[in-house]
């Protein structure tokens, strides 16, 4: 999965979609996921990072990560794959 190339993401987690003018604010975790996707990391690599660096069990991570990815898709922030 990749973030659309024209989506602007600031260092503070402000996301802007120039196609429709919508903007969103990410928390630190959301920003990290977006950055990792932009770097070309796979979903598996991102999940592995979180289980290695944070105190989170795989079930909770899986649910929260999938919810975030669904949100990105619903807001049309990802490339069609």
PDB file of N, CA and C in Angstrom:
ATOM      1  N   UNK A   1       0.838  -1.171   0.000  1.00  0.00           N
ATOM      2  CA  UNK A   1       0.000   0.000   0.000  1.00  0.00           C
ATOM      3  C   UNK A   1       0.884   1.236   0.000  1.00  0.00           C
ATOM      4  N   UNK A   2       0.461   2.235  -0.723  1.00  0.00           N
ATOM      5  CA  UNK A   2       1.197   3.492  -0.743  1.00  0.00           C
ATOM      6  C   UNK A   2       0.233   4.662  -0.563  1.00  0.00           C
ATOM      7  N   UNK A   3       0.763   5.725  -0.018  1.00  0.00           N
ATOM      8  CA  UNK A   3       0.013   6.973   0.107  1.00  0.00           C
ATOM      9  C   UNK A   3       0.068   7.686  -1.240  1.00  0.00           C
ATOM     10  N   UNK A   4      -1.044   8.301  -1.655  1.00  0.00           N
ATOM     11  CA  UNK A   4      -1.035   9.028  -2.929  1.00  0.00           C
ATOM     12  C   UNK A   4       0.082  10.053  -2.943  1.00  0.00           C
ATOM     13  N   UNK A   5       0.719  10.195  -4.076  1.00  0.00           N
ATOM     14  CA  UNK A   5       1.895  11.061  -4.200  1.00  0.00           C
ATOM     15  C   UNK A   5       1.595  12.540  -3.960  1.00  0.00           C
ATOM     16  N   UNK A   6       0.376  12.977  -4.246  1.00  0.00           N
ATOM     17  CA  UNK A   6       0.066  14.394  -4.086  1.00  0.00           C
ATOM     18  C   UNK A   6      -0.421  14.763  -2.684  1.00  0.00           C
ATOM     19  N   UNK A   7      -0.475  13.788  -1.788  1.00  0.00           N
ATOM     20  CA  UNK A   7      -0.894  14.056  -0.412  1.00  0.00           C
ATOM     21  C   UNK A   7       0.269  14.701   0.335  1.00  0.00           C
ATOM     22  N   UNK A   8       0.006  15.831   0.955  1.00  0.00           N
ATOM     23  CA  UNK A   8       1.045  16.546   1.714  1.00  0.00           C
ATOM     24  C   UNK A   8       0.913  16.202   3.191  1.00  0.00           C
ATOM     25  N   UNK A   9       2.047  15.860   3.800  1.00  0.00           N
ATOM     26  CA  UNK A   9       2.064  15.536   5.223  1.00  0.00           C
ATOM     27  C   UNK A   9       3.158  16.369   5.876  1.00  0.00           C
ATOM     28  N   UNK A  10       2.773  17.188   6.856  1.00  0.00           N
ATOM     29  CA  UNK A  10       3.757  18.037   7.538  1.00  0.00           C
ATOM     30  C   UNK A  10       4.453  17.245   8.642  1.00  0.00           C
ATOM     31  N   UNK A  11       5.526  17.797   9.154  1.00  0.00           N
ATOM     32  CA  UNK A  11       6.260  17.171  10.247  1.00  0.00           C
ATOM     33  C   UNK A  11       5.404  17.043  11.511  1.00  0.00           C
ATOM     34  N   UNK A  12       4.429  17.912  11.671  1.00  0.00           N
ATOM     35  CA  UNK A  12       3.581  17.872  12.860  1.00  0.00           C
ATOM     36  C   UNK A  12       2.384  16.928  12.709  1.00  0.00           C
ATOM     37  N   UNK A  13       2.239  16.287  11.530  1.00  0.00           N
ATOM     38  CA  UNK A  13       1.158  15.338  11.330  1.00  0.00           C
ATOM     39  C   UNK A  13      -0.079  15.909  10.665  1.00  0.00           C
ATOM     40  N   UNK A  14       0.030  17.083  10.095  1.00  0.00           N
ATOM     41  CA  UNK A  14      -1.071  17.686   9.352  1.00  0.00           C
ATOM     42  C   UNK A  14      -1.066  17.097   7.951  1.00  0.00           C
ATOM     43  N   UNK A  15      -2.211  16.549   7.511  1.00  0.00           N
ATOM     44  CA  UNK A  15      -2.332  15.914   6.194  1.00  0.00           C
ATOM     45  C   UNK A  15      -3.275  16.760   5.350  1.00  0.00           C
ATOM     46  N   UNK A  16      -2.853  17.036   4.105  1.00  0.00           N
ATOM     47  CA  UNK A  16      -3.674  17.843   3.206  1.00  0.00           C
ATOM     48  C   UNK A  16      -3.846  17.108   1.882  1.00  0.00           C
ATOM     49  N   UNK A  17      -5.103  16.992   1.436  1.00  0.00           N
ATOM     50  CA  UNK A  17      -5.433  16.393   0.153  1.00  0.00           C
ATOM     51  C   UNK A  17      -5.787  17.521  -0.813  1.00  0.00           C
ATOM     52  N   UNK A  18      -4.887  17.850  -1.746  1.00  0.00           N
ATOM     53  CA  UNK A  18      -5.145  18.979  -2.643  1.00  0.00           C
ATOM     54  C   UNK A  18      -6.264  18.723  -3.649  1.00  0.00           C
ATOM     55  N   UNK A  19      -6.639  17.483  -3.859  1.00  0.00           N
ATOM     56  CA  UNK A  19      -7.706  17.189  -4.815  1.00  0.00           C
ATOM     57  C   UNK A  19      -9.064  17.691  -4.343  1.00  0.00           C
ATOM     58  N   UNK A  20      -9.308  17.646  -3.029  1.00  0.00           N
ATOM     59  CA  UNK A  20     -10.613  18.074  -2.535  1.00  0.00           C
ATOM     60  C   UNK A  20     -10.526  19.111  -1.413  1.00  0.00           C
ATOM     61  N   UNK A  21      -9.312  19.454  -0.996  1.00  0.00           N
ATOM     62  CA  UNK A  21      -9.129  20.462   0.040  1.00  0.00           C
ATOM     63  C   UNK A  21      -9.294  19.954   1.459  1.00  0.00           C
ATOM     64  N   UNK A  22      -9.529  18.661   1.616  1.00  0.00           N
ATOM     65  CA  UNK A  22      -9.689  18.107   2.959  1.00  0.00           C
ATOM     66  C   UNK A  22      -8.356  18.066   3.693  1.00  0.00           C
ATOM     67  N   UNK A  23      -8.431  18.219   5.006  1.00  0.00           N
ATOM     68  CA  UNK A  23      -7.226  18.117   5.827  1.00  0.00           C
ATOM     69  C   UNK A  23      -7.538  17.285   7.062  1.00  0.00           C
ATOM     70  N   UNK A  24      -6.501  16.665   7.575  1.00  0.00           N
ATOM     71  CA  UNK A  24      -6.630  15.766   8.725  1.00  0.00           C
ATOM     72  C   UNK A  24      -5.431  15.987   9.632  1.00  0.00           C
ATOM     73  N   UNK A  25      -5.569  15.599  10.869  1.00  0.00           N
ATOM     74  CA  UNK A  25      -4.465  15.669  11.814  1.00  0.00           C
ATOM     75  C   UNK A  25      -4.198  14.266  12.348  1.00  0.00           C
ATOM     76  N   UNK A  26      -2.936  13.859  12.277  1.00  0.00           N
ATOM     77  CA  UNK A  26      -2.528  12.545  12.762  1.00  0.00           C
ATOM     78  C   UNK A  26      -1.905  12.656  14.138  1.00  0.00           C
ATOM     79  N   UNK A  27      -2.080  11.620  14.935  1.00  0.00           N
ATOM     80  CA  UNK A  27      -1.308  11.553  16.163  1.00  0.00           C
ATOM     81  C   UNK A  27       0.078  11.004  15.819  1.00  0.00           C
ATOM     82  N   UNK A  28       0.925  10.860  16.816  1.00  0.00           N
ATOM     83  CA  UNK A  28       2.306  10.431  16.584  1.00  0.00           C
ATOM     84  C   UNK A  28       2.369   9.053  15.914  1.00  0.00           C
ATOM     85  N   UNK A  29       1.509   8.148  16.324  1.00  0.00           N
ATOM     86  CA  UNK A  29       1.500   6.800  15.756  1.00  0.00           C
ATOM     87  C   UNK A  29       1.052   6.825  14.300  1.00  0.00           C
ATOM     88  N   UNK A  30      -0.002   7.550  14.010  1.00  0.00           N
ATOM     89  CA  UNK A  30      -0.482   7.670  12.638  1.00  0.00           C
ATOM     90  C   UNK A  30       0.565   8.284  11.736  1.00  0.00           C
ATOM     91  N   UNK A  31       1.244   9.303  12.237  1.00  0.00           N
ATOM     92  CA  UNK A  31       2.311   9.950  11.460  1.00  0.00           C
ATOM     93  C   UNK A  31       3.427   8.967  11.160  1.00  0.00           C
ATOM     94  N   UNK A  32       3.793   8.162  12.137  1.00  0.00           N
ATOM     95  CA  UNK A  32       4.848   7.177  11.947  1.00  0.00           C
ATOM     96  C   UNK A  32       4.436   6.151  10.890  1.00  0.00           C
ATOM     97  N   UNK A  33       3.207   5.696  10.930  1.00  0.00           N
ATOM     98  CA  UNK A  33       2.733   4.739   9.928  1.00  0.00           C
ATOM     99  C   UNK A  33       2.760   5.358   8.538  1.00  0.00           C
ATOM    100  N   UNK A  34       2.260   6.580   8.410  1.00  0.00           N
ATOM    101  CA  UNK A  34       2.271   7.273   7.112  1.00  0.00           C
ATOM    102  C   UNK A  34       3.702   7.421   6.599  1.00  0.00           C
ATOM    103  N   UNK A  35       4.613   7.825   7.473  1.00  0.00           N
ATOM    104  CA  UNK A  35       6.018   7.984   7.071  1.00  0.00           C
ATOM    105  C   UNK A  35       6.608   6.661   6.595  1.00  0.00           C
ATOM    106  N   UNK A  36       6.306   5.589   7.310  1.00  0.00           N
ATOM    107  CA  UNK A  36       6.843   4.289   6.939  1.00  0.00           C
ATOM    108  C   UNK A  36       6.248   3.807   5.605  1.00  0.00           C
ATOM    109  N   UNK A  37       4.968   4.063   5.387  1.00  0.00           N
ATOM    110  CA  UNK A  37       4.369   3.721   4.097  1.00  0.00           C
ATOM    111  C   UNK A  37       5.010   4.524   2.972  1.00  0.00           C
ATOM    112  N   UNK A  38       5.257   5.807   3.232  1.00  0.00           N
ATOM    113  CA  UNK A  38       5.896   6.661   2.227  1.00  0.00           C
ATOM    114  C   UNK A  38       7.313   6.194   1.905  1.00  0.00           C
ATOM    115  N   UNK A  39       7.975   5.572   2.874  1.00  0.00           N
ATOM    116  CA  UNK A  39       9.323   5.030   2.660  1.00  0.00           C
ATOM    117  C   UNK A  39       9.299   3.695   1.915  1.00  0.00           C
ATOM    118  N   UNK A  40       8.099   3.178   1.665  1.00  0.00           N
ATOM    119  CA  UNK A  40       7.978   1.926   0.940  1.00  0.00           C
ATOM    120  C   UNK A  40       7.970   0.684   1.817  1.00  0.00           C
ATOM    121  N   UNK A  41       7.818   0.887   3.132  1.00  0.00           N
ATOM    122  CA  UNK A  41       7.758  -0.253   4.046  1.00  0.00           C
ATOM    123  C   UNK A  41       6.464  -1.025   3.806  1.00  0.00           C
ATOM    124  N   UNK A  42       6.550  -2.337   3.954  1.00  0.00           N
ATOM    125  CA  UNK A  42       5.354  -3.172   3.819  1.00  0.00           C
ATOM    126  C   UNK A  42       4.566  -3.144   5.121  1.00  0.00           C
ATOM    127  N   UNK A  43       3.325  -3.579   5.054  1.00  0.00           N
ATOM    128  CA  UNK A  43       2.505  -3.638   6.266  1.00  0.00           C
ATOM    129  C   UNK A  43       3.152  -4.557   7.295  1.00  0.00           C
ATOM    130  N   UNK A  44       3.723  -5.654   6.844  1.00  0.00           N
ATOM    131  CA  UNK A  44       4.384  -6.581   7.763  1.00  0.00           C
ATOM    132  C   UNK A  44       5.575  -5.920   8.447  1.00  0.00           C
ATOM    133  N   UNK A  45       6.374  -5.161   7.694  1.00  0.00           N
ATOM    134  CA  UNK A  45       7.523  -4.467   8.279  1.00  0.00           C
ATOM    135  C   UNK A  45       7.078  -3.445   9.317  1.00  0.00           C
ATOM    136  N   UNK A  46       5.993  -2.747   9.029  1.00  0.00           N
ATOM    137  CA  UNK A  46       5.483  -1.742   9.964  1.00  0.00           C
ATOM    138  C   UNK A  46       4.981  -2.410  11.240  1.00  0.00           C
ATOM    139  N   UNK A  47       4.226  -3.480  11.094  1.00  0.00           N
ATOM    140  CA  UNK A  47       3.726  -4.199  12.264  1.00  0.00           C
ATOM    141  C   UNK A  47       4.874  -4.751  13.101  1.00  0.00           C
ATOM    142  N   UNK A  48       5.882  -5.293  12.440  1.00  0.00           N
ATOM    143  CA  UNK A  48       7.050  -5.804  13.164  1.00  0.00           C
ATOM    144  C   UNK A  48       7.734  -4.697  13.949  1.00  0.00           C
ATOM    145  N   UNK A  49       7.844  -3.517  13.355  1.00  0.00           N
ATOM    146  CA  UNK A  49       8.458  -2.376  14.040  1.00  0.00           C
ATOM    147  C   UNK A  49       7.705  -2.073  15.339  1.00  0.00           C
ATOM    148  N   UNK A  50       6.391  -2.032  15.260  1.00  0.00           N
ATOM    149  CA  UNK A  50       5.598  -1.680  16.435  1.00  0.00           C
ATOM    150  C   UNK A  50       5.670  -2.747  17.518  1.00  0.00           C
ATOM    151  N   UNK A  51       5.659  -4.013  17.140  1.00  0.00           N
ATOM    152  CA  UNK A  51       5.746  -5.056  18.164  1.00  0.00           C
ATOM    153  C   UNK A  51       7.134  -5.094  18.798  1.00  0.00           C
ATOM    154  N   UNK A  52       8.157  -4.677  18.063  1.00  0.00           N
ATOM    155  CA  UNK A  52       9.521  -4.655  18.605  1.00  0.00           C
ATOM    156  C   UNK A  52       9.795  -3.430  19.471  1.00  0.00           C
ATOM    157  N   UNK A  53       9.165  -2.298  19.155  1.00  0.00           N
ATOM    158  CA  UNK A  53       9.490  -1.037  19.826  1.00  0.00           C
ATOM    159  C   UNK A  53       8.446  -0.558  20.835  1.00  0.00           C
ATOM    160  N   UNK A  54       7.275  -1.156  20.838  1.00  0.00           N
ATOM    161  CA  UNK A  54       6.216  -0.718  21.738  1.00  0.00           C
ATOM    162  C   UNK A  54       5.639  -1.919  22.476  1.00  0.00           C
ATOM    163  N   UNK A  55       5.082  -1.671  23.628  1.00  0.00           N
ATOM    164  CA  UNK A  55       4.463  -2.715  24.428  1.00  0.00           C
ATOM    165  C   UNK A  55       3.030  -2.920  23.948  1.00  0.00           C
ATOM    166  N   UNK A  56       2.893  -3.680  22.872  1.00  0.00           N
ATOM    167  CA  UNK A  56       1.571  -3.941  22.294  1.00  0.00           C
ATOM    168  C   UNK A  56       1.522  -5.401  21.860  1.00  0.00           C
ATOM    169  N   UNK A  57       0.401  -6.045  22.143  1.00  0.00           N
ATOM    170  CA  UNK A  57       0.271  -7.433  21.701  1.00  0.00           C
ATOM    171  C   UNK A  57      -0.172  -7.454  20.241  1.00  0.00           C
ATOM    172  N   UNK A  58       0.097  -8.546  19.585  1.00  0.00           N
ATOM    173  CA  UNK A  58      -0.152  -8.641  18.144  1.00  0.00           C
ATOM    174  C   UNK A  58      -1.629  -8.468  17.784  1.00  0.00           C
ATOM    175  N   UNK A  59      -2.541  -8.978  18.617  1.00  0.00           N
ATOM    176  CA  UNK A  59      -3.969  -8.845  18.333  1.00  0.00           C
ATOM    177  C   UNK A  59      -4.430  -7.397  18.351  1.00  0.00           C
ATOM    178  N   UNK A  60      -4.017  -6.666  19.372  1.00  0.00           N
ATOM    179  CA  UNK A  60      -4.374  -5.245  19.478  1.00  0.00           C
ATOM    180  C   UNK A  60      -3.767  -4.456  18.325  1.00  0.00           C
ATOM    181  N   UNK A  61      -2.504  -4.726  18.035  1.00  0.00           N
ATOM    182  CA  UNK A  61      -1.833  -4.040  16.921  1.00  0.00           C
ATOM    183  C   UNK A  61      -2.560  -4.318  15.615  1.00  0.00           C
ATOM    184  N   UNK A  62      -2.877  -5.568  15.375  1.00  0.00           N
ATOM    185  CA  UNK A  62      -3.554  -5.947  14.131  1.00  0.00           C
ATOM    186  C   UNK A  62      -4.871  -5.200  13.977  1.00  0.00           C
ATOM    187  N   UNK A  63      -5.681  -5.170  15.036  1.00  0.00           N
ATOM    188  CA  UNK A  63      -6.979  -4.474  14.971  1.00  0.00           C
ATOM    189  C   UNK A  63      -6.807  -2.981  14.730  1.00  0.00           C
ATOM    190  N   UNK A  64      -5.925  -2.339  15.495  1.00  0.00           N
ATOM    191  CA  UNK A  64      -5.736  -0.893  15.363  1.00  0.00           C
ATOM    192  C   UNK A  64      -5.106  -0.530  14.029  1.00  0.00           C
ATOM    193  N   UNK A  65      -4.136  -1.315  13.599  1.00  0.00           N
ATOM    194  CA  UNK A  65      -3.485  -1.050  12.314  1.00  0.00           C
ATOM    195  C   UNK A  65      -4.493  -1.178  11.182  1.00  0.00           C
ATOM    196  N   UNK A  66      -5.279  -2.250  11.192  1.00  0.00           N
ATOM    197  CA  UNK A  66      -6.274  -2.443  10.132  1.00  0.00           C
ATOM    198  C   UNK A  66      -7.313  -1.329  10.126  1.00  0.00           C
ATOM    199  N   UNK A  67      -7.744  -0.872  11.296  1.00  0.00           N
ATOM    200  CA  UNK A  67      -8.685   0.254  11.366  1.00  0.00           C
ATOM    201  C   UNK A  67      -8.084   1.506  10.743  1.00  0.00           C
ATOM    202  N   UNK A  68      -6.804   1.761  11.016  1.00  0.00           N
ATOM    203  CA  UNK A  68      -6.137   2.943  10.462  1.00  0.00           C
ATOM    204  C   UNK A  68      -6.031   2.838   8.943  1.00  0.00           C
ATOM    205  N   UNK A  69      -5.674   1.666   8.434  1.00  0.00           N
ATOM    206  CA  UNK A  69      -5.559   1.469   6.988  1.00  0.00           C
ATOM    207  C   UNK A  69      -6.913   1.651   6.310  1.00  0.00           C
ATOM    208  N   UNK A  70      -7.965   1.127   6.925  1.00  0.00           N
ATOM    209  CA  UNK A  70      -9.316   1.302   6.373  1.00  0.00           C
ATOM    210  C   UNK A  70      -9.670   2.788   6.328  1.00  0.00           C
ATOM    211  N   UNK A  71      -9.314   3.527   7.378  1.00  0.00           N
ATOM    212  CA  UNK A  71      -9.584   4.961   7.409  1.00  0.00           C
ATOM    213  C   UNK A  71      -8.852   5.675   6.265  1.00  0.00           C
ATOM    214  N   UNK A  72      -7.578   5.324   6.048  1.00  0.00           N
ATOM    215  CA  UNK A  72      -6.815   5.932   4.955  1.00  0.00           C
ATOM    216  C   UNK A  72      -7.502   5.674   3.615  1.00  0.00           C
ATOM    217  N   UNK A  73      -7.954   4.444   3.418  1.00  0.00           N
ATOM    218  CA  UNK A  73      -8.636   4.097   2.164  1.00  0.00           C
ATOM    219  C   UNK A  73      -9.960   4.839   2.042  1.00  0.00           C
ATOM    220  N   UNK A  74     -10.731   4.935   3.127  1.00  0.00           N
ATOM    221  CA  UNK A  74     -12.023   5.625   3.095  1.00  0.00           C
ATOM    222  C   UNK A  74     -11.866   7.102   2.763  1.00  0.00           C
ATOM    223  N   UNK A  75     -10.775   7.705   3.201  1.00  0.00           N
ATOM    224  CA  UNK A  75     -10.518   9.113   2.907  1.00  0.00           C
ATOM    225  C   UNK A  75      -9.768   9.291   1.594  1.00  0.00           C
ATOM    226  N   UNK A  76      -9.604   8.191   0.835  1.00  0.00           N
ATOM    227  CA  UNK A  76      -8.941   8.211  -0.477  1.00  0.00           C
ATOM    228  C   UNK A  76      -7.527   8.777  -0.412  1.00  0.00           C
ATOM    229  N   UNK A  77      -6.796   8.407   0.613  1.00  0.00           N
ATOM    230  CA  UNK A  77      -5.432   8.883   0.756  1.00  0.00           C
ATOM    231  C   UNK A  77      -4.404   7.884   0.211  1.00  0.00           C
ATOM    232  N   UNK A  78      -4.877   6.718  -0.222  1.00  0.00           N
ATOM    233  CA  UNK A  78      -3.970   5.689  -0.730  1.00  0.00           C
ATOM    234  C   UNK A  78      -4.146   5.523  -2.243  1.00  0.00           C
ATOM    235  N   UNK A  79      -3.100   4.947  -2.857  1.00  0.00           N
ATOM    236  CA  UNK A  79      -3.178   4.624  -4.274  1.00  0.00           C
ATOM    237  C   UNK A  79      -4.115   3.433  -4.441  1.00  0.00           C
ATOM    238  N   UNK A  80      -4.821   3.396  -5.557  1.00  0.00           N
ATOM    239  CA  UNK A  80      -5.679   2.245  -5.824  1.00  0.00           C
ATOM    240  C   UNK A  80      -4.796   1.044  -6.121  1.00  0.00           C
ATOM    241  N   UNK A  81      -5.025  -0.015  -5.371  1.00  0.00           N
ATOM    242  CA  UNK A  81      -4.213  -1.224  -5.549  1.00  0.00           C
ATOM    243  C   UNK A  81      -5.097  -2.419  -5.719  1.00  0.00           C
TER     244      UNK A  81
END
